[in-house]
Amino acid sequence: MSDRRDFLNEIVAAAFGIAGVGSMIVTGQYLSPNALYEPPLKFRAGAPDLYPVDSVTYITDQQVYIVHSPEGFYAVSAVCTHLGCITQWNPGDNMIECPCHGSKFQSDGRKVEGPAPIPLFLWAITLASSGDLLVNKTETVNYGQALKV
């Protein structure tokens, strides 16, 4: 009789122990900071010489295309305005295309076709005092407003 009672007491103690450890883990996760680390909204994209005329260069960690057209430089968002998918440059069609739902955009971000409701965002791009291109993703510019260098 004593063996059965000892066995049940051990099971109850183990259950309370597991519940206690679980509650400590949840409490620790609640108290730890829940920070999201994102890249800076202003960044240097390098010297203008790095981008030949008629080139579209994708900067992966910033999700931005640096477009050097004959008119000048554009910083085009790579995030589709339909559902937030990351677009891809298709050099064969000379277009930025969304692989998710088929939206297509010109290299300067203007919408050509697809379900995207608006064109891609154009971020402000200036020339820093060091001579590097400086992209500011907190400020949008109008289409056709290119940085001439």
C-alpha atoms as a PDB file:
ATOM      1  CA  MET A   1       0.000   0.000   0.000  1.00  0.00           C
ATOM      2  CA  SER A   2       2.838   2.343   0.857  1.00  0.00           C
ATOM      3  CA  ASP A   3       4.516   1.761  -2.520  1.00  0.00           C
ATOM      4  CA  ARG A   4       1.451   2.918  -4.407  1.00  0.00           C
ATOM      5  CA  ARG A   5       1.110   6.056  -2.261  1.00  0.00           C
ATOM      6  CA  ASP A   6       4.801   6.905  -2.717  1.00  0.00           C
ATOM      7  CA  PHE A   7       4.473   6.425  -6.481  1.00  0.00           C
ATOM      8  CA  LEU A   8       1.453   8.774  -6.664  1.00  0.00           C
ATOM      9  CA  ASN A   9       3.239  11.366  -4.513  1.00  0.00           C
ATOM     10  CA  GLU A  10       6.216  11.259  -6.892  1.00  0.00           C
ATOM     11  CA  ILE A  11       3.926  11.766  -9.904  1.00  0.00           C
ATOM     12  CA  VAL A  12       2.223  14.759  -8.240  1.00  0.00           C
ATOM     13  CA  ALA A  13       5.593  16.269  -7.264  1.00  0.00           C
ATOM     14  CA  ALA A  14       6.886  15.807 -10.825  1.00  0.00           C
ATOM     15  CA  ALA A  15       3.742  17.469 -12.273  1.00  0.00           C
ATOM     16  CA  PHE A  16       4.153  20.459  -9.947  1.00  0.00           C
ATOM     17  CA  GLY A  17       7.848  20.645 -10.831  1.00  0.00           C
ATOM     18  CA  ILE A  18       7.145  20.650 -14.563  1.00  0.00           C
ATOM     19  CA  ALA A  19       4.428  23.304 -14.123  1.00  0.00           C
ATOM     20  CA  GLY A  20       6.818  25.436 -12.038  1.00  0.00           C
ATOM     21  CA  VAL A  21       9.629  25.219 -14.583  1.00  0.00           C
ATOM     22  CA  GLY A  22       7.193  26.032 -17.405  1.00  0.00           C
ATOM     23  CA  SER A  23       5.857  29.092 -15.596  1.00  0.00           C
ATOM     24  CA  MET A  24       9.417  30.317 -14.923  1.00  0.00           C
ATOM     25  CA  ILE A  25      10.266  29.995 -18.633  1.00  0.00           C
ATOM     26  CA  VAL A  26       7.141  31.910 -19.684  1.00  0.00           C
ATOM     27  CA  THR A  27       7.825  34.620 -17.088  1.00  0.00           C
ATOM     28  CA  GLY A  28      11.428  34.928 -18.293  1.00  0.00           C
ATOM     29  CA  GLN A  29      10.299  35.328 -21.895  1.00  0.00           C
ATOM     30  CA  TYR A  30       7.761  37.951 -20.838  1.00  0.00           C
ATOM     31  CA  LEU A  31      10.384  39.985 -18.994  1.00  0.00           C
ATOM     32  CA  SER A  32      13.043  39.792 -21.733  1.00  0.00           C
ATOM     33  CA  PRO A  33      13.050  42.665 -24.267  1.00  0.00           C
ATOM     34  CA  ASN A  34      11.156  41.998 -27.471  1.00  0.00           C
ATOM     35  CA  ALA A  35      13.247  44.153 -29.801  1.00  0.00           C
ATOM     36  CA  LEU A  36      13.122  44.067 -33.567  1.00  0.00           C
ATOM     37  CA  TYR A  37      16.408  44.994 -35.209  1.00  0.00           C
ATOM     38  CA  GLU A  38      15.928  46.562 -38.621  1.00  0.00           C
ATOM     39  CA  PRO A  39      18.440  48.237 -40.892  1.00  0.00           C
ATOM     40  CA  PRO A  40      18.763  52.035 -40.615  1.00  0.00           C
ATOM     41  CA  LEU A  41      16.341  54.156 -42.636  1.00  0.00           C
ATOM     42  CA  LYS A  42      19.188  56.337 -43.913  1.00  0.00           C
ATOM     43  CA  PHE A  43      22.167  54.597 -45.476  1.00  0.00           C
ATOM     44  CA  ARG A  44      25.089  55.151 -47.808  1.00  0.00           C
ATOM     45  CA  ALA A  45      24.873  53.291 -51.100  1.00  0.00           C
ATOM     46  CA  GLY A  46      28.463  53.869 -52.203  1.00  0.00           C
ATOM     47  CA  ALA A  47      30.033  56.067 -54.833  1.00  0.00           C
ATOM     48  CA  PRO A  48      28.052  56.936 -57.972  1.00  0.00           C
ATOM     49  CA  ASP A  49      30.857  55.386 -60.056  1.00  0.00           C
ATOM     50  CA  LEU A  50      29.783  51.938 -58.786  1.00  0.00           C
ATOM     51  CA  TYR A  51      26.585  52.167 -60.836  1.00  0.00           C
ATOM     52  CA  PRO A  52      26.945  52.282 -64.635  1.00  0.00           C
ATOM     53  CA  VAL A  53      24.332  54.146 -66.680  1.00  0.00           C
ATOM     54  CA  ASP A  54      21.220  52.018 -67.426  1.00  0.00           C
ATOM     55  CA  SER A  55      21.881  49.728 -64.454  1.00  0.00           C
ATOM     56  CA  VAL A  56      19.549  48.456 -61.746  1.00  0.00           C
ATOM     57  CA  THR A  57      21.341  47.238 -58.603  1.00  0.00           C
ATOM     58  CA  TYR A  58      19.511  45.511 -55.763  1.00  0.00           C
ATOM     59  CA  ILE A  59      20.743  46.200 -52.211  1.00  0.00           C
ATOM     60  CA  THR A  60      19.562  43.118 -50.332  1.00  0.00           C
ATOM     61  CA  ASP A  61      19.707  44.225 -46.707  1.00  0.00           C
ATOM     62  CA  GLN A  62      17.891  47.504 -47.472  1.00  0.00           C
ATOM     63  CA  GLN A  63      15.392  46.100 -50.006  1.00  0.00           C
ATOM     64  CA  VAL A  64      16.108  48.970 -52.373  1.00  0.00           C
ATOM     65  CA  TYR A  65      17.033  49.192 -56.054  1.00  0.00           C
ATOM     66  CA  ILE A  66      19.592  51.822 -57.021  1.00  0.00           C
ATOM     67  CA  VAL A  67      18.674  52.750 -60.586  1.00  0.00           C
ATOM     68  CA  HIS A  68      21.078  54.777 -62.695  1.00  0.00           C
ATOM     69  CA  SER A  69      19.220  55.978 -65.764  1.00  0.00           C
ATOM     70  CA  PRO A  70      20.352  58.638 -68.264  1.00  0.00           C
ATOM     71  CA  GLU A  71      18.226  61.119 -66.250  1.00  0.00           C
ATOM     72  CA  GLY A  72      20.097  60.362 -63.009  1.00  0.00           C
ATOM     73  CA  PHE A  73      19.810  58.175 -59.899  1.00  0.00           C
ATOM     74  CA  TYR A  74      16.665  56.743 -58.314  1.00  0.00           C
ATOM     75  CA  ALA A  75      16.249  54.757 -55.098  1.00  0.00           C
ATOM     76  CA  VAL A  76      13.255  52.471 -55.718  1.00  0.00           C
ATOM     77  CA  SER A  77      11.634  50.379 -52.997  1.00  0.00           C
ATOM     78  CA  ALA A  78      11.785  46.636 -53.676  1.00  0.00           C
ATOM     79  CA  VAL A  79       8.642  46.003 -51.604  1.00  0.00           C
ATOM     80  CA  CYS A  80       5.559  45.455 -53.777  1.00  0.00           C
ATOM     81  CA  THR A  81       2.706  47.820 -52.948  1.00  0.00           C
ATOM     82  CA  HIS A  82       0.145  45.027 -53.368  1.00  0.00           C
ATOM     83  CA  LEU A  83       0.864  42.693 -50.444  1.00  0.00           C
ATOM     84  CA  GLY A  84       4.441  43.503 -49.457  1.00  0.00           C
ATOM     85  CA  CYS A  85       6.271  40.797 -51.409  1.00  0.00           C
ATOM     86  CA  ILE A  86       9.892  41.450 -52.374  1.00  0.00           C
ATOM     87  CA  THR A  87      10.125  42.164 -56.082  1.00  0.00           C
ATOM     88  CA  GLN A  88      12.843  40.995 -58.459  1.00  0.00           C
ATOM     89  CA  TRP A  89      14.627  42.743 -61.310  1.00  0.00           C
ATOM     90  CA  ASN A  90      14.101  40.983 -64.643  1.00  0.00           C
ATOM     91  CA  PRO A  91      16.800  42.232 -67.042  1.00  0.00           C
ATOM     92  CA  GLY A  92      15.253  40.352 -69.981  1.00  0.00           C
ATOM     93  CA  ASP A  93      12.029  42.374 -69.792  1.00  0.00           C
ATOM     94  CA  ASN A  94      13.781  45.424 -68.310  1.00  0.00           C
ATOM     95  CA  MET A  95      11.178  45.440 -65.516  1.00  0.00           C
ATOM     96  CA  ILE A  96      10.800  44.982 -61.789  1.00  0.00           C
ATOM     97  CA  GLU A  97       8.418  42.073 -61.252  1.00  0.00           C
ATOM     98  CA  CYS A  98       6.574  40.715 -58.227  1.00  0.00           C
ATOM     99  CA  PRO A  99       6.912  36.916 -58.119  1.00  0.00           C
ATOM    100  CA  CYS A 100       3.861  36.532 -55.865  1.00  0.00           C
ATOM    101  CA  HIS A 101       0.987  38.048 -57.823  1.00  0.00           C
ATOM    102  CA  GLY A 102       2.470  39.260 -61.104  1.00  0.00           C
ATOM    103  CA  SER A 103       2.643  43.037 -60.720  1.00  0.00           C
ATOM    104  CA  LYS A 104       5.172  44.638 -63.076  1.00  0.00           C
ATOM    105  CA  PHE A 105       6.907  47.977 -62.731  1.00  0.00           C
ATOM    106  CA  GLN A 106       9.237  50.084 -64.848  1.00  0.00           C
ATOM    107  CA  SER A 107      12.776  50.544 -63.542  1.00  0.00           C
ATOM    108  CA  ASP A 108      11.755  53.889 -62.020  1.00  0.00           C
ATOM    109  CA  GLY A 109       8.957  52.189 -60.032  1.00  0.00           C
ATOM    110  CA  ARG A 110       5.957  53.150 -62.177  1.00  0.00           C
ATOM    111  CA  LYS A 111       3.282  50.449 -62.374  1.00  0.00           C
ATOM    112  CA  VAL A 112       2.860  48.687 -65.730  1.00  0.00           C
ATOM    113  CA  GLU A 113       0.397  45.919 -64.868  1.00  0.00           C
ATOM    114  CA  GLY A 114      -0.909  43.678 -62.111  1.00  0.00           C
ATOM    115  CA  PRO A 115      -2.888  43.992 -58.903  1.00  0.00           C
ATOM    116  CA  ALA A 116      -0.578  46.500 -57.188  1.00  0.00           C
ATOM    117  CA  PRO A 117      -2.733  49.576 -56.453  1.00  0.00           C
ATOM    118  CA  ILE A 118       0.081  52.155 -56.690  1.00  0.00           C
ATOM    119  CA  PRO A 119       3.637  52.392 -58.053  1.00  0.00           C
ATOM    120  CA  LEU A 120       6.679  51.418 -55.997  1.00  0.00           C
ATOM    121  CA  PHE A 121       7.914  54.082 -53.606  1.00  0.00           C
ATOM    122  CA  LEU A 122      10.806  56.303 -54.650  1.00  0.00           C
ATOM    123  CA  TRP A 123      13.038  57.174 -51.707  1.00  0.00           C
ATOM    124  CA  ALA A 124      14.961  60.425 -51.486  1.00  0.00           C
ATOM    125  CA  ILE A 125      18.533  60.086 -52.711  1.00  0.00           C
ATOM    126  CA  THR A 126      21.200  62.760 -52.302  1.00  0.00           C
ATOM    127  CA  LEU A 127      24.945  63.101 -52.548  1.00  0.00           C
ATOM    128  CA  ALA A 128      26.704  63.075 -49.164  1.00  0.00           C
ATOM    129  CA  SER A 129      29.664  65.331 -48.455  1.00  0.00           C
ATOM    130  CA  SER A 130      31.913  62.262 -48.795  1.00  0.00           C
ATOM    131  CA  GLY A 131      30.727  61.789 -52.385  1.00  0.00           C
ATOM    132  CA  ASP A 132      28.622  58.697 -51.640  1.00  0.00           C
ATOM    133  CA  LEU A 133      24.975  58.293 -52.549  1.00  0.00           C
ATOM    134  CA  LEU A 134      22.803  58.742 -49.450  1.00  0.00           C
ATOM    135  CA  VAL A 135      19.349  57.098 -49.446  1.00  0.00           C
ATOM    136  CA  ASN A 136      16.680  58.335 -47.022  1.00  0.00           C
ATOM    137  CA  LYS A 137      13.794  55.858 -46.675  1.00  0.00           C
ATOM    138  CA  THR A 138      11.821  58.266 -44.468  1.00  0.00           C
ATOM    139  CA  GLU A 139      11.209  60.625 -47.386  1.00  0.00           C
ATOM    140  CA  THR A 140       9.547  59.865 -50.718  1.00  0.00           C
ATOM    141  CA  VAL A 141      10.062  61.877 -53.901  1.00  0.00           C
ATOM    142  CA  ASN A 142       7.957  62.411 -57.006  1.00  0.00           C
ATOM    143  CA  TYR A 143       8.421  60.311 -60.129  1.00  0.00           C
ATOM    144  CA  GLY A 144      10.877  61.818 -62.551  1.00  0.00           C
ATOM    145  CA  GLN A 145      12.770  63.523 -59.717  1.00  0.00           C
ATOM    146  CA  ALA A 146      16.206  61.964 -60.219  1.00  0.00           C
ATOM    147  CA  LEU A 147      19.509  62.884 -58.622  1.00  0.00           C
ATOM    148  CA  LYS A 148      21.794  64.238 -61.322  1.00  0.00           C
ATOM    149  CA  VAL A 149      25.489  63.640 -60.601  1.00  0.00           C
END
